[in-house]
Amino acid sequence: MNLLSVNKFIEANPSFTVGGMRNLIFHADSNGLNDHNAIVRIGRKVMIDVEKFYLWIKAQNSIEV
């Protein structure tokens, strides 16, 4: 498991913005991030499970609209 804070994740992946990530985290129940266990909450701290986050992105691309 590779956990990064939101800020460290953004530093490592500059194509994501703080606002964009905060929005994804806020809507994690409805967008599937929680279903993929890509967000880990430890008290008030929010961590990103990098591998699961990228699996979630791949799953989003395979959904037919």
PDB file of N, CA and C in Angstrom:
ATOM      1  N   MET A   1       0.849  -1.175   0.000  1.00  0.00           N
ATOM      2  CA  MET A   1       0.000   0.000   0.000  1.00  0.00           C
ATOM      3  C   MET A   1       0.892   1.234   0.000  1.00  0.00           C
ATOM      4  N   ASN A   2       0.677   2.101  -0.960  1.00  0.00           N
ATOM      5  CA  ASN A   2       1.449   3.329  -1.082  1.00  0.00           C
ATOM      6  C   ASN A   2       0.530   4.501  -0.783  1.00  0.00           C
ATOM      7  N   LEU A   3       0.603   5.036   0.448  1.00  0.00           N
ATOM      8  CA  LEU A   3      -0.258   6.140   0.854  1.00  0.00           C
ATOM      9  C   LEU A   3       0.491   7.455   0.779  1.00  0.00           C
ATOM     10  N   LEU A   4      -0.174   8.456   0.194  1.00  0.00           N
ATOM     11  CA  LEU A   4       0.377   9.804   0.140  1.00  0.00           C
ATOM     12  C   LEU A   4      -0.677  10.786   0.617  1.00  0.00           C
ATOM     13  N   SER A   5      -0.227  11.843   1.282  1.00  0.00           N
ATOM     14  CA  SER A   5      -1.159  12.921   1.601  1.00  0.00           C
ATOM     15  C   SER A   5      -1.592  13.571   0.292  1.00  0.00           C
ATOM     16  N   VAL A   6      -2.651  14.344   0.344  1.00  0.00           N
ATOM     17  CA  VAL A   6      -3.141  15.003  -0.873  1.00  0.00           C
ATOM     18  C   VAL A   6      -2.051  15.892  -1.459  1.00  0.00           C
ATOM     19  N   ASN A   7      -1.377  16.669  -0.617  1.00  0.00           N
ATOM     20  CA  ASN A   7      -0.334  17.570  -1.121  1.00  0.00           C
ATOM     21  C   ASN A   7       0.839  16.807  -1.732  1.00  0.00           C
ATOM     22  N   LYS A   8       1.260  15.720  -1.097  1.00  0.00           N
ATOM     23  CA  LYS A   8       2.366  14.922  -1.646  1.00  0.00           C
ATOM     24  C   LYS A   8       1.949  14.246  -2.949  1.00  0.00           C
ATOM     25  N   PHE A   9       0.684  13.795  -3.022  1.00  0.00           N
ATOM     26  CA  PHE A   9       0.183  13.191  -4.252  1.00  0.00           C
ATOM     27  C   PHE A   9       0.232  14.204  -5.391  1.00  0.00           C
ATOM     28  N   ILE A  10      -0.163  15.437  -5.115  1.00  0.00           N
ATOM     29  CA  ILE A  10      -0.167  16.483  -6.145  1.00  0.00           C
ATOM     30  C   ILE A  10       1.258  16.843  -6.553  1.00  0.00           C
ATOM     31  N   GLU A  11       2.177  16.872  -5.599  1.00  0.00           N
ATOM     32  CA  GLU A  11       3.582  17.124  -5.938  1.00  0.00           C
ATOM     33  C   GLU A  11       4.107  16.052  -6.887  1.00  0.00           C
ATOM     34  N   ALA A  12       3.735  14.802  -6.632  1.00  0.00           N
ATOM     35  CA  ALA A  12       4.201  13.688  -7.462  1.00  0.00           C
ATOM     36  C   ALA A  12       3.438  13.595  -8.777  1.00  0.00           C
ATOM     37  N   ASN A  13       2.235  14.182  -8.828  1.00  0.00           N
ATOM     38  CA  ASN A  13       1.368  14.108 -10.008  1.00  0.00           C
ATOM     39  C   ASN A  13       0.821  15.502 -10.311  1.00  0.00           C
ATOM     40  N   PRO A  14       1.636  16.377 -10.889  1.00  0.00           N
ATOM     41  CA  PRO A  14       1.229  17.777 -11.056  1.00  0.00           C
ATOM     42  C   PRO A  14       0.058  18.004 -12.008  1.00  0.00           C
ATOM     43  N   SER A  15      -0.402  16.980 -12.701  1.00  0.00           N
ATOM     44  CA  SER A  15      -1.576  17.165 -13.557  1.00  0.00           C
ATOM     45  C   SER A  15      -2.855  17.282 -12.726  1.00  0.00           C
ATOM     46  N   PHE A  16      -2.789  16.930 -11.436  1.00  0.00           N
ATOM     47  CA  PHE A  16      -3.925  17.088 -10.531  1.00  0.00           C
ATOM     48  C   PHE A  16      -3.745  18.368  -9.727  1.00  0.00           C
ATOM     49  N   THR A  17      -4.856  19.064  -9.458  1.00  0.00           N
ATOM     50  CA  THR A  17      -4.810  20.292  -8.662  1.00  0.00           C
ATOM     51  C   THR A  17      -5.370  20.017  -7.271  1.00  0.00           C
ATOM     52  N   VAL A  18      -5.039  20.899  -6.346  1.00  0.00           N
ATOM     53  CA  VAL A  18      -5.548  20.760  -4.985  1.00  0.00           C
ATOM     54  C   VAL A  18      -7.073  20.813  -5.003  1.00  0.00           C
ATOM     55  N   GLY A  19      -7.630  21.794  -5.694  1.00  0.00           N
ATOM     56  CA  GLY A  19      -9.083  21.934  -5.749  1.00  0.00           C
ATOM     57  C   GLY A  19      -9.755  20.733  -6.382  1.00  0.00           C
ATOM     58  N   GLY A  20      -9.173  20.226  -7.441  1.00  0.00           N
ATOM     59  CA  GLY A  20      -9.729  19.055  -8.108  1.00  0.00           C
ATOM     60  C   GLY A  20      -9.715  17.831  -7.218  1.00  0.00           C
ATOM     61  N   MET A  21      -8.614  17.626  -6.509  1.00  0.00           N
ATOM     62  CA  MET A  21      -8.517  16.474  -5.611  1.00  0.00           C
ATOM     63  C   MET A  21      -9.477  16.622  -4.435  1.00  0.00           C
ATOM     64  N   ARG A  22      -9.568  17.826  -3.886  1.00  0.00           N
ATOM     65  CA  ARG A  22     -10.493  18.048  -2.765  1.00  0.00           C
ATOM     66  C   ARG A  22     -11.930  17.772  -3.208  1.00  0.00           C
ATOM     67  N   ASN A  23     -12.276  18.153  -4.435  1.00  0.00           N
ATOM     68  CA  ASN A  23     -13.612  17.894  -4.963  1.00  0.00           C
ATOM     69  C   ASN A  23     -13.852  16.385  -5.101  1.00  0.00           C
ATOM     70  N   LEU A  24     -12.876  15.666  -5.637  1.00  0.00           N
ATOM     71  CA  LEU A  24     -13.010  14.211  -5.751  1.00  0.00           C
ATOM     72  C   LEU A  24     -13.191  13.562  -4.380  1.00  0.00           C
ATOM     73  N   ILE A  25     -12.430  14.027  -3.399  1.00  0.00           N
ATOM     74  CA  ILE A  25     -12.514  13.472  -2.049  1.00  0.00           C
ATOM     75  C   ILE A  25     -13.870  13.800  -1.422  1.00  0.00           C
ATOM     76  N   PHE A  26     -14.347  15.031  -1.614  1.00  0.00           N
ATOM     77  CA  PHE A  26     -15.635  15.448  -1.049  1.00  0.00           C
ATOM     78  C   PHE A  26     -16.768  14.577  -1.582  1.00  0.00           C
ATOM     79  N   HIS A  27     -16.687  14.212  -2.861  1.00  0.00           N
ATOM     80  CA  HIS A  27     -17.731  13.413  -3.504  1.00  0.00           C
ATOM     81  C   HIS A  27     -17.362  11.927  -3.597  1.00  0.00           C
ATOM     82  N   ALA A  28     -16.473  11.471  -2.729  1.00  0.00           N
ATOM     83  CA  ALA A  28     -15.974  10.087  -2.800  1.00  0.00           C
ATOM     84  C   ALA A  28     -17.079   9.046  -2.665  1.00  0.00           C
ATOM     85  N   ASP A  29     -18.133   9.354  -1.925  1.00  0.00           N
ATOM     86  CA  ASP A  29     -19.240   8.393  -1.790  1.00  0.00           C
ATOM     87  C   ASP A  29     -19.981   8.207  -3.104  1.00  0.00           C
ATOM     88  N   SER A  30     -20.148   9.287  -3.855  1.00  0.00           N
ATOM     89  CA  SER A  30     -20.947   9.202  -5.082  1.00  0.00           C
ATOM     90  C   SER A  30     -20.122   8.915  -6.333  1.00  0.00           C
ATOM     91  N   ASN A  31     -18.821   9.172  -6.308  1.00  0.00           N
ATOM     92  CA  ASN A  31     -18.021   8.959  -7.522  1.00  0.00           C
ATOM     93  C   ASN A  31     -17.277   7.621  -7.544  1.00  0.00           C
ATOM     94  N   GLY A  32     -17.386   6.850  -6.470  1.00  0.00           N
ATOM     95  CA  GLY A  32     -16.793   5.519  -6.458  1.00  0.00           C
ATOM     96  C   GLY A  32     -15.419   5.418  -5.817  1.00  0.00           C
ATOM     97  N   LEU A  33     -14.832   6.537  -5.405  1.00  0.00           N
ATOM     98  CA  LEU A  33     -13.513   6.459  -4.761  1.00  0.00           C
ATOM     99  C   LEU A  33     -13.568   5.624  -3.484  1.00  0.00           C
ATOM    100  N   ASN A  34     -14.633   5.784  -2.705  1.00  0.00           N
ATOM    101  CA  ASN A  34     -14.758   4.976  -1.484  1.00  0.00           C
ATOM    102  C   ASN A  34     -14.964   3.510  -1.812  1.00  0.00           C
ATOM    103  N   ASP A  35     -15.713   3.219  -2.869  1.00  0.00           N
ATOM    104  CA  ASP A  35     -15.935   1.824  -3.266  1.00  0.00           C
ATOM    105  C   ASP A  35     -14.629   1.142  -3.658  1.00  0.00           C
ATOM    106  N   HIS A  36     -13.696   1.904  -4.223  1.00  0.00           N
ATOM    107  CA  HIS A  36     -12.391   1.365  -4.618  1.00  0.00           C
ATOM    108  C   HIS A  36     -11.367   1.431  -3.481  1.00  0.00           C
ATOM    109  N   ASN A  37     -11.778   1.953  -2.318  1.00  0.00           N
ATOM    110  CA  ASN A  37     -10.884   2.111  -1.160  1.00  0.00           C
ATOM    111  C   ASN A  37      -9.642   2.916  -1.505  1.00  0.00           C
ATOM    112  N   ALA A  38      -9.797   3.906  -2.368  1.00  0.00           N
ATOM    113  CA  ALA A  38      -8.669   4.730  -2.792  1.00  0.00           C
ATOM    114  C   ALA A  38      -8.378   5.860  -1.816  1.00  0.00           C
ATOM    115  N   ILE A  39      -9.333   6.154  -0.941  1.00  0.00           N
ATOM    116  CA  ILE A  39      -9.178   7.206   0.058  1.00  0.00           C
ATOM    117  C   ILE A  39      -9.110   6.554   1.431  1.00  0.00           C
ATOM    118  N   VAL A  40      -8.081   6.908   2.195  1.00  0.00           N
ATOM    119  CA  VAL A  40      -7.926   6.393   3.557  1.00  0.00           C
ATOM    120  C   VAL A  40      -7.977   7.587   4.494  1.00  0.00           C
ATOM    121  N   ARG A  41      -8.899   7.530   5.434  1.00  0.00           N
ATOM    122  CA  ARG A  41      -9.033   8.620   6.406  1.00  0.00           C
ATOM    123  C   ARG A  41      -8.505   8.144   7.749  1.00  0.00           C
ATOM    124  N   ILE A  42      -7.589   8.931   8.303  1.00  0.00           N
ATOM    125  CA  ILE A  42      -7.025   8.650   9.621  1.00  0.00           C
ATOM    126  C   ILE A  42      -7.290   9.898  10.452  1.00  0.00           C
ATOM    127  N   GLY A  43      -8.357   9.858  11.239  1.00  0.00           N
ATOM    128  CA  GLY A  43      -8.787  11.067  11.929  1.00  0.00           C
ATOM    129  C   GLY A  43      -9.204  12.097  10.893  1.00  0.00           C
ATOM    130  N   ARG A  44      -8.607  13.274  10.951  1.00  0.00           N
ATOM    131  CA  ARG A  44      -8.899  14.315   9.965  1.00  0.00           C
ATOM    132  C   ARG A  44      -7.987  14.239   8.751  1.00  0.00           C
ATOM    133  N   LYS A  45      -6.962  13.421   8.837  1.00  0.00           N
ATOM    134  CA  LYS A  45      -5.993  13.290   7.743  1.00  0.00           C
ATOM    135  C   LYS A  45      -6.575  12.437   6.629  1.00  0.00           C
ATOM    136  N   VAL A  46      -6.424  12.903   5.394  1.00  0.00           N
ATOM    137  CA  VAL A  46      -6.891  12.161   4.225  1.00  0.00           C
ATOM    138  C   VAL A  46      -5.672  11.727   3.431  1.00  0.00           C
ATOM    139  N   MET A  47      -5.595  10.436   3.173  1.00  0.00           N
ATOM    140  CA  MET A  47      -4.483   9.877   2.418  1.00  0.00           C
ATOM    141  C   MET A  47      -5.015   9.251   1.138  1.00  0.00           C
ATOM    142  N   ILE A  48      -4.192   9.254   0.097  1.00  0.00           N
ATOM    143  CA  ILE A  48      -4.538   8.649  -1.183  1.00  0.00           C
ATOM    144  C   ILE A  48      -3.756   7.346  -1.313  1.00  0.00           C
ATOM    145  N   ASP A  49      -4.461   6.246  -1.556  1.00  0.00           N
ATOM    146  CA  ASP A  49      -3.807   4.984  -1.898  1.00  0.00           C
ATOM    147  C   ASP A  49      -3.553   5.052  -3.402  1.00  0.00           C
ATOM    148  N   VAL A  50      -2.309   5.276  -3.775  1.00  0.00           N
ATOM    149  CA  VAL A  50      -1.952   5.599  -5.159  1.00  0.00           C
ATOM    150  C   VAL A  50      -2.384   4.512  -6.135  1.00  0.00           C
ATOM    151  N   GLU A  51      -2.087   3.256  -5.831  1.00  0.00           N
ATOM    152  CA  GLU A  51      -2.437   2.169  -6.752  1.00  0.00           C
ATOM    153  C   GLU A  51      -3.945   2.081  -6.960  1.00  0.00           C
ATOM    154  N   LYS A  52      -4.692   2.163  -5.867  1.00  0.00           N
ATOM    155  CA  LYS A  52      -6.148   2.064  -5.966  1.00  0.00           C
ATOM    156  C   LYS A  52      -6.745   3.287  -6.651  1.00  0.00           C
ATOM    157  N   PHE A  53      -6.118   4.450  -6.466  1.00  0.00           N
ATOM    158  CA  PHE A  53      -6.595   5.657  -7.143  1.00  0.00           C
ATOM    159  C   PHE A  53      -6.475   5.492  -8.658  1.00  0.00           C
ATOM    160  N   TYR A  54      -5.349   4.963  -9.123  1.00  0.00           N
ATOM    161  CA  TYR A  54      -5.176   4.769 -10.566  1.00  0.00           C
ATOM    162  C   TYR A  54      -6.088   3.669 -11.102  1.00  0.00           C
ATOM    163  N   LEU A  55      -6.380   2.655 -10.295  1.00  0.00           N
ATOM    164  CA  LEU A  55      -7.366   1.651 -10.704  1.00  0.00           C
ATOM    165  C   LEU A  55      -8.744   2.290 -10.844  1.00  0.00           C
ATOM    166  N   TRP A  56      -9.077   3.207  -9.938  1.00  0.00           N
ATOM    167  CA  TRP A  56     -10.349   3.929 -10.022  1.00  0.00           C
ATOM    168  C   TRP A  56     -10.410   4.758 -11.306  1.00  0.00           C
ATOM    169  N   ILE A  57      -9.306   5.424 -11.654  1.00  0.00           N
ATOM    170  CA  ILE A  57      -9.276   6.212 -12.892  1.00  0.00           C
ATOM    171  C   ILE A  57      -9.518   5.305 -14.092  1.00  0.00           C
ATOM    172  N   LYS A  58      -8.853   4.160 -14.126  1.00  0.00           N
ATOM    173  CA  LYS A  58      -9.068   3.219 -15.234  1.00  0.00           C
ATOM    174  C   LYS A  58     -10.518   2.769 -15.297  1.00  0.00           C
ATOM    175  N   ALA A  59     -11.131   2.530 -14.150  1.00  0.00           N
ATOM    176  CA  ALA A  59     -12.534   2.110 -14.115  1.00  0.00           C
ATOM    177  C   ALA A  59     -13.446   3.215 -14.648  1.00  0.00           C
ATOM    178  N   GLN A  60     -13.092   4.477 -14.393  1.00  0.00           N
ATOM    179  CA  GLN A  60     -13.903   5.591 -14.892  1.00  0.00           C
ATOM    180  C   GLN A  60     -13.868   5.645 -16.412  1.00  0.00           C
ATOM    181  N   ASN A  61     -12.740   5.304 -16.983  1.00  0.00           N
ATOM    182  CA  ASN A  61     -12.598   5.348 -18.439  1.00  0.00           C
ATOM    183  C   ASN A  61     -13.311   4.194 -19.125  1.00  0.00           C
ATOM    184  N   SER A  62     -13.631   3.142 -18.382  1.00  0.00           N
ATOM    185  CA  SER A  62     -14.284   1.995 -19.004  1.00  0.00           C
ATOM    186  C   SER A  62     -15.807   2.048 -18.881  1.00  0.00           C
ATOM    187  N   ILE A  63     -16.323   3.062 -18.176  1.00  0.00           N
ATOM    188  CA  ILE A  63     -17.769   3.203 -18.015  1.00  0.00           C
ATOM    189  C   ILE A  63     -18.361   3.802 -19.285  1.00  0.00           C
ATOM    190  N   GLU A  64     -19.403   3.170 -19.799  1.00  0.00           N
ATOM    191  CA  GLU A  64     -20.080   3.686 -20.989  1.00  0.00           C
ATOM    192  C   GLU A  64     -21.158   4.660 -20.554  1.00  0.00           C
ATOM    193  N   VAL A  65     -21.229   5.782 -21.247  1.00  0.00           N
ATOM    194  CA  VAL A  65     -22.223   6.817 -20.919  1.00  0.00           C
ATOM    195  C   VAL A  65     -23.356   6.763 -21.904  1.00  0.00           C
TER     196      VAL A  65
END
